[in-house]
Amino acid sequence: MSSDRLARVEEAIREVIADALAGDIKDPRVGFVTVTDVRTSPDLRHAHVHVSVLGDEREREDCLQGLRSAHGFLQRQIAAQLRLKRTPELEFHYDNTTDNAMRIEALLREERR
């Protein structure tokens, strides 16, 4: 599969999951979550979904557990909305980019003082 097509599929999967999280998931563990990135294997059998979660570490873990329990529903949403030969198996991962950026910003502020 070409890298352009793979990038389009990844973006489409990200949008379907983000839309489902915005209104269709009723699990109370899934709170303020943002899908930051989706990376699929070239054969589209696996998709690594990176999410950012607002809250402390326990809330993040609870949210990831909620997402993992909803993966079947999310895979069905992807299958229904995208015309793919196979629907990838979803794996959810916490994206700590925001945490790192905030930590670096705090260090820089402290250094200026």
N, C-alpha and C. Protein backbone atom coordinates (compact mmCIF):
# COMPACT_ATOMS: atom_id res chain seq x y z
N MET A 1 0.85 -1.17 0.00
CA MET A 1 0.00 0.00 0.00
C MET A 1 0.90 1.24 0.00
N SER A 2 0.55 2.22 -0.81
CA SER A 2 1.37 3.43 -0.88
C SER A 2 1.28 4.21 0.42
N SER A 3 2.32 4.97 0.69
CA SER A 3 2.34 5.73 1.94
C SER A 3 1.25 6.81 1.96
N ASP A 4 0.91 7.37 0.81
CA ASP A 4 -0.17 8.36 0.76
C ASP A 4 -1.51 7.73 1.11
N ARG A 5 -1.77 6.56 0.55
CA ARG A 5 -3.03 5.88 0.86
C ARG A 5 -3.07 5.47 2.32
N LEU A 6 -1.96 4.99 2.84
CA LEU A 6 -1.89 4.59 4.24
C LEU A 6 -2.16 5.79 5.15
N ALA A 7 -1.60 6.94 4.82
CA ALA A 7 -1.82 8.16 5.60
C ALA A 7 -3.30 8.57 5.56
N ARG A 8 -3.94 8.44 4.40
CA ARG A 8 -5.37 8.76 4.29
C ARG A 8 -6.23 7.81 5.11
N VAL A 9 -5.88 6.53 5.09
CA VAL A 9 -6.62 5.55 5.88
C VAL A 9 -6.44 5.82 7.36
N GLU A 10 -5.22 6.13 7.79
CA GLU A 10 -4.97 6.44 9.19
C GLU A 10 -5.77 7.66 9.64
N GLU A 11 -5.82 8.68 8.82
CA GLU A 11 -6.58 9.89 9.16
C GLU A 11 -8.08 9.58 9.21
N ALA A 12 -8.56 8.77 8.29
CA ALA A 12 -9.98 8.40 8.29
C ALA A 12 -10.33 7.60 9.55
N ILE A 13 -9.47 6.69 9.95
CA ILE A 13 -9.70 5.91 11.17
C ILE A 13 -9.70 6.84 12.38
N ARG A 14 -8.76 7.80 12.41
CA ARG A 14 -8.70 8.76 13.52
C ARG A 14 -10.01 9.54 13.61
N GLU A 15 -10.54 9.99 12.48
CA GLU A 15 -11.78 10.76 12.48
C GLU A 15 -12.97 9.94 12.94
N VAL A 16 -13.07 8.68 12.50
CA VAL A 16 -14.18 7.83 12.91
C VAL A 16 -14.14 7.60 14.42
N ILE A 17 -12.95 7.31 14.94
CA ILE A 17 -12.83 7.07 16.39
C ILE A 17 -13.14 8.35 17.16
N ALA A 18 -12.61 9.49 16.71
CA ALA A 18 -12.86 10.76 17.39
C ALA A 18 -14.34 11.09 17.41
N ASP A 19 -15.03 10.88 16.30
CA ASP A 19 -16.48 11.13 16.24
C ASP A 19 -17.23 10.22 17.20
N ALA A 20 -16.85 8.95 17.24
CA ALA A 20 -17.52 8.01 18.14
C ALA A 20 -17.28 8.39 19.59
N LEU A 21 -16.07 8.83 19.91
CA LEU A 21 -15.77 9.22 21.29
C LEU A 21 -16.53 10.48 21.68
N ALA A 22 -16.80 11.33 20.72
CA ALA A 22 -17.50 12.59 21.01
C ALA A 22 -18.97 12.38 21.34
N GLY A 23 -19.57 11.27 20.89
CA GLY A 23 -20.99 11.16 21.13
C GLY A 23 -21.56 9.77 21.35
N ASP A 24 -20.85 8.74 20.92
CA ASP A 24 -21.44 7.40 20.96
C ASP A 24 -20.99 6.54 22.13
N ILE A 25 -19.87 6.85 22.71
CA ILE A 25 -19.34 6.05 23.83
C ILE A 25 -19.98 6.55 25.12
N LYS A 26 -20.65 5.67 25.82
CA LYS A 26 -21.35 6.05 27.05
C LYS A 26 -20.60 5.61 28.31
N ASP A 27 -19.45 4.99 28.16
CA ASP A 27 -18.67 4.51 29.31
C ASP A 27 -18.19 5.71 30.13
N PRO A 28 -18.52 5.78 31.41
CA PRO A 28 -18.12 6.94 32.22
C PRO A 28 -16.60 7.04 32.42
N ARG A 29 -15.88 5.95 32.18
CA ARG A 29 -14.42 5.99 32.31
C ARG A 29 -13.79 6.79 31.19
N VAL A 30 -14.48 6.88 30.06
CA VAL A 30 -13.95 7.60 28.90
C VAL A 30 -14.42 9.04 29.02
N GLY A 31 -13.54 9.89 29.56
CA GLY A 31 -13.88 11.28 29.79
C GLY A 31 -13.34 12.17 28.69
N PHE A 32 -12.50 13.12 29.10
CA PHE A 32 -11.92 14.07 28.15
C PHE A 32 -10.73 13.42 27.46
N VAL A 33 -10.97 12.88 26.29
CA VAL A 33 -9.94 12.17 25.54
C VAL A 33 -9.86 12.73 24.13
N THR A 34 -8.64 12.83 23.61
CA THR A 34 -8.41 13.31 22.26
C THR A 34 -7.57 12.29 21.53
N VAL A 35 -7.98 11.93 20.33
CA VAL A 35 -7.19 11.02 19.50
C VAL A 35 -6.13 11.87 18.82
N THR A 36 -4.86 11.64 19.18
CA THR A 36 -3.78 12.46 18.64
C THR A 36 -3.15 11.87 17.39
N ASP A 37 -3.17 10.54 17.26
CA ASP A 37 -2.51 9.92 16.12
C ASP A 37 -3.00 8.48 15.97
N VAL A 38 -2.96 8.00 14.74
CA VAL A 38 -3.23 6.59 14.45
C VAL A 38 -2.14 6.11 13.52
N ARG A 39 -1.52 5.00 13.87
CA ARG A 39 -0.50 4.37 13.03
C ARG A 39 -0.91 2.94 12.76
N THR A 40 -1.03 2.61 11.49
CA THR A 40 -1.43 1.26 11.13
C THR A 40 -0.25 0.50 10.54
N SER A 41 -0.34 -0.81 10.64
CA SER A 41 0.65 -1.65 9.97
C SER A 41 0.37 -1.58 8.48
N PRO A 42 1.37 -1.82 7.64
CA PRO A 42 1.16 -1.73 6.19
C PRO A 42 0.05 -2.65 5.66
N ASP A 43 -0.19 -3.77 6.33
CA ASP A 43 -1.24 -4.68 5.90
C ASP A 43 -2.60 -4.35 6.53
N LEU A 44 -2.67 -3.29 7.31
CA LEU A 44 -3.90 -2.82 7.97
C LEU A 44 -4.49 -3.82 8.95
N ARG A 45 -3.69 -4.71 9.47
CA ARG A 45 -4.20 -5.68 10.46
C ARG A 45 -4.21 -5.07 11.86
N HIS A 46 -3.34 -4.10 12.13
CA HIS A 46 -3.23 -3.51 13.46
C HIS A 46 -3.21 -1.99 13.34
N ALA A 47 -3.85 -1.33 14.30
CA ALA A 47 -3.81 0.12 14.35
C ALA A 47 -3.49 0.54 15.78
N HIS A 48 -2.43 1.31 15.93
CA HIS A 48 -2.04 1.87 17.22
C HIS A 48 -2.68 3.25 17.32
N VAL A 49 -3.61 3.39 18.25
CA VAL A 49 -4.35 4.64 18.43
C VAL A 49 -3.75 5.35 19.64
N HIS A 50 -3.19 6.53 19.40
CA HIS A 50 -2.58 7.32 20.46
C HIS A 50 -3.57 8.37 20.93
N VAL A 51 -3.78 8.41 22.25
CA VAL A 51 -4.76 9.33 22.82
C VAL A 51 -4.14 10.17 23.92
N SER A 52 -4.66 11.37 24.07
CA SER A 52 -4.29 12.25 25.16
C SER A 52 -5.51 12.34 26.08
N VAL A 53 -5.27 12.19 27.37
CA VAL A 53 -6.37 12.16 28.34
C VAL A 53 -6.16 13.26 29.37
N LEU A 54 -7.20 14.02 29.62
CA LEU A 54 -7.15 15.06 30.63
C LEU A 54 -7.42 14.42 31.99
N GLY A 55 -6.49 14.60 32.92
CA GLY A 55 -6.67 14.05 34.26
C GLY A 55 -5.38 13.48 34.81
N ASP A 56 -5.48 12.92 36.00
CA ASP A 56 -4.30 12.34 36.62
C ASP A 56 -4.06 10.92 36.09
N GLU A 57 -3.05 10.27 36.64
CA GLU A 57 -2.65 8.97 36.12
C GLU A 57 -3.76 7.92 36.27
N ARG A 58 -4.47 7.96 37.37
CA ARG A 58 -5.56 7.00 37.56
C ARG A 58 -6.67 7.21 36.53
N GLU A 59 -7.03 8.47 36.28
CA GLU A 59 -8.05 8.76 35.28
C GLU A 59 -7.60 8.33 33.89
N ARG A 60 -6.31 8.50 33.60
CA ARG A 60 -5.76 8.04 32.31
C ARG A 60 -5.90 6.54 32.17
N GLU A 61 -5.53 5.80 33.22
CA GLU A 61 -5.60 4.34 33.17
C GLU A 61 -7.04 3.89 33.04
N ASP A 62 -7.95 4.53 33.78
CA ASP A 62 -9.38 4.20 33.67
C ASP A 62 -9.89 4.45 32.25
N CYS A 63 -9.48 5.57 31.68
CA CYS A 63 -9.90 5.92 30.33
C CYS A 63 -9.39 4.89 29.32
N LEU A 64 -8.13 4.51 29.45
CA LEU A 64 -7.57 3.50 28.54
C LEU A 64 -8.30 2.17 28.69
N GLN A 65 -8.66 1.79 29.91
CA GLN A 65 -9.44 0.56 30.12
C GLN A 65 -10.81 0.68 29.45
N GLY A 66 -11.44 1.84 29.57
CA GLY A 66 -12.72 2.07 28.92
C GLY A 66 -12.62 1.98 27.41
N LEU A 67 -11.55 2.55 26.86
CA LEU A 67 -11.34 2.48 25.41
C LEU A 67 -11.09 1.05 24.96
N ARG A 68 -10.31 0.32 25.75
CA ARG A 68 -10.04 -1.08 25.39
C ARG A 68 -11.31 -1.91 25.43
N SER A 69 -12.19 -1.62 26.37
CA SER A 69 -13.44 -2.37 26.43
C SER A 69 -14.40 -1.98 25.30
N ALA A 70 -14.23 -0.79 24.75
CA ALA A 70 -15.09 -0.32 23.65
C ALA A 70 -14.48 -0.60 22.28
N HIS A 71 -13.35 -1.31 22.23
CA HIS A 71 -12.67 -1.48 20.95
C HIS A 71 -13.52 -2.22 19.93
N GLY A 72 -14.35 -3.18 20.36
CA GLY A 72 -15.22 -3.88 19.42
C GLY A 72 -16.22 -2.94 18.76
N PHE A 73 -16.83 -2.10 19.58
CA PHE A 73 -17.77 -1.11 19.05
C PHE A 73 -17.07 -0.17 18.07
N LEU A 74 -15.87 0.29 18.44
CA LEU A 74 -15.13 1.22 17.59
C LEU A 74 -14.71 0.54 16.28
N GLN A 75 -14.33 -0.72 16.35
CA GLN A 75 -13.98 -1.45 15.12
C GLN A 75 -15.20 -1.59 14.22
N ARG A 76 -16.37 -1.83 14.80
CA ARG A 76 -17.59 -1.91 13.98
C ARG A 76 -17.90 -0.57 13.33
N GLN A 77 -17.66 0.53 14.07
CA GLN A 77 -17.87 1.87 13.49
C GLN A 77 -16.94 2.08 12.29
N ILE A 78 -15.69 1.67 12.44
CA ILE A 78 -14.74 1.81 11.34
C ILE A 78 -15.19 0.97 10.16
N ALA A 79 -15.59 -0.28 10.41
CA ALA A 79 -16.04 -1.17 9.33
C ALA A 79 -17.26 -0.60 8.61
N ALA A 80 -18.17 0.01 9.37
CA ALA A 80 -19.39 0.54 8.78
C ALA A 80 -19.14 1.80 7.96
N GLN A 81 -18.17 2.61 8.37
CA GLN A 81 -17.98 3.91 7.71
C GLN A 81 -16.88 3.91 6.65
N LEU A 82 -15.94 2.99 6.75
CA LEU A 82 -14.85 2.95 5.78
C LEU A 82 -14.92 1.66 4.98
N ARG A 83 -14.59 1.75 3.72
CA ARG A 83 -14.61 0.55 2.88
C ARG A 83 -13.20 -0.02 2.81
N LEU A 84 -12.91 -0.87 3.78
CA LEU A 84 -11.60 -1.50 3.84
C LEU A 84 -11.77 -3.00 3.68
N LYS A 85 -10.75 -3.62 3.14
CA LYS A 85 -10.79 -5.07 2.98
C LYS A 85 -10.87 -5.75 4.34
N ARG A 86 -10.13 -5.23 5.30
CA ARG A 86 -10.18 -5.75 6.67
C ARG A 86 -10.14 -4.57 7.62
N THR A 87 -10.74 -4.76 8.76
CA THR A 87 -10.76 -3.73 9.80
C THR A 87 -9.62 -4.02 10.77
N PRO A 88 -8.77 -3.03 11.02
CA PRO A 88 -7.61 -3.29 11.89
C PRO A 88 -8.01 -3.52 13.35
N GLU A 89 -7.22 -4.32 14.02
CA GLU A 89 -7.35 -4.53 15.46
C GLU A 89 -6.80 -3.28 16.15
N LEU A 90 -7.61 -2.68 17.01
CA LEU A 90 -7.22 -1.42 17.65
C LEU A 90 -6.46 -1.67 18.94
N GLU A 91 -5.38 -0.92 19.12
CA GLU A 91 -4.62 -0.92 20.36
C GLU A 91 -4.50 0.54 20.80
N PHE A 92 -4.87 0.82 22.04
CA PHE A 92 -4.85 2.19 22.54
C PHE A 92 -3.61 2.43 23.39
N HIS A 93 -2.98 3.59 23.16
CA HIS A 93 -1.76 3.97 23.88
C HIS A 93 -1.90 5.42 24.33
N TYR A 94 -1.38 5.70 25.52
CA TYR A 94 -1.39 7.06 26.03
C TYR A 94 -0.29 7.86 25.34
N ASP A 95 -0.62 9.04 24.86
CA ASP A 95 0.34 9.94 24.21
C ASP A 95 0.79 10.97 25.25
N ASN A 96 2.03 10.89 25.67
CA ASN A 96 2.53 11.79 26.71
C ASN A 96 3.21 13.04 26.17
N THR A 97 3.00 13.37 24.93
CA THR A 97 3.61 14.55 24.32
C THR A 97 3.23 15.83 25.07
N THR A 98 1.97 15.96 25.43
CA THR A 98 1.52 17.15 26.15
C THR A 98 2.19 17.24 27.53
N ASP A 99 2.29 16.10 28.22
CA ASP A 99 2.95 16.08 29.52
C ASP A 99 4.40 16.52 29.40
N ASN A 100 5.08 16.02 28.38
CA ASN A 100 6.49 16.39 28.17
C ASN A 100 6.63 17.88 27.87
N ALA A 101 5.75 18.41 27.04
CA ALA A 101 5.81 19.83 26.70
C ALA A 101 5.58 20.70 27.93
N MET A 102 4.63 20.31 28.78
CA MET A 102 4.36 21.08 29.99
C MET A 102 5.55 21.01 30.95
N ARG A 103 6.19 19.86 31.03
CA ARG A 103 7.35 19.71 31.91
C ARG A 103 8.51 20.57 31.41
N ILE A 104 8.75 20.57 30.11
CA ILE A 104 9.82 21.40 29.54
C ILE A 104 9.53 22.88 29.76
N GLU A 105 8.27 23.27 29.57
CA GLU A 105 7.90 24.67 29.78
C GLU A 105 8.12 25.08 31.23
N ALA A 106 7.79 24.21 32.18
CA ALA A 106 8.00 24.51 33.60
C ALA A 106 9.49 24.63 33.90
N LEU A 107 10.29 23.77 33.32
CA LEU A 107 11.74 23.84 33.52
C LEU A 107 12.31 25.13 32.96
N LEU A 108 11.84 25.55 31.80
CA LEU A 108 12.31 26.79 31.21
C LEU A 108 11.91 28.00 32.05
N ARG A 109 10.68 27.99 32.56
CA ARG A 109 10.24 29.07 33.43
C ARG A 109 11.10 29.14 34.69
N GLU A 110 11.42 27.99 35.25
CA GLU A 110 12.25 27.95 36.46
C GLU A 110 13.67 28.42 36.15
N GLU A 111 14.16 28.08 35.00
CA GLU A 111 15.53 28.50 34.60
C GLU A 111 15.60 30.01 34.44
N ARG A 112 14.54 30.63 33.93
CA ARG A 112 14.53 32.09 33.76
C ARG A 112 14.58 32.82 35.08
N ARG A 113 14.08 32.23 36.14
CA ARG A 113 14.05 32.86 37.46
C ARG A 113 15.40 32.80 38.02
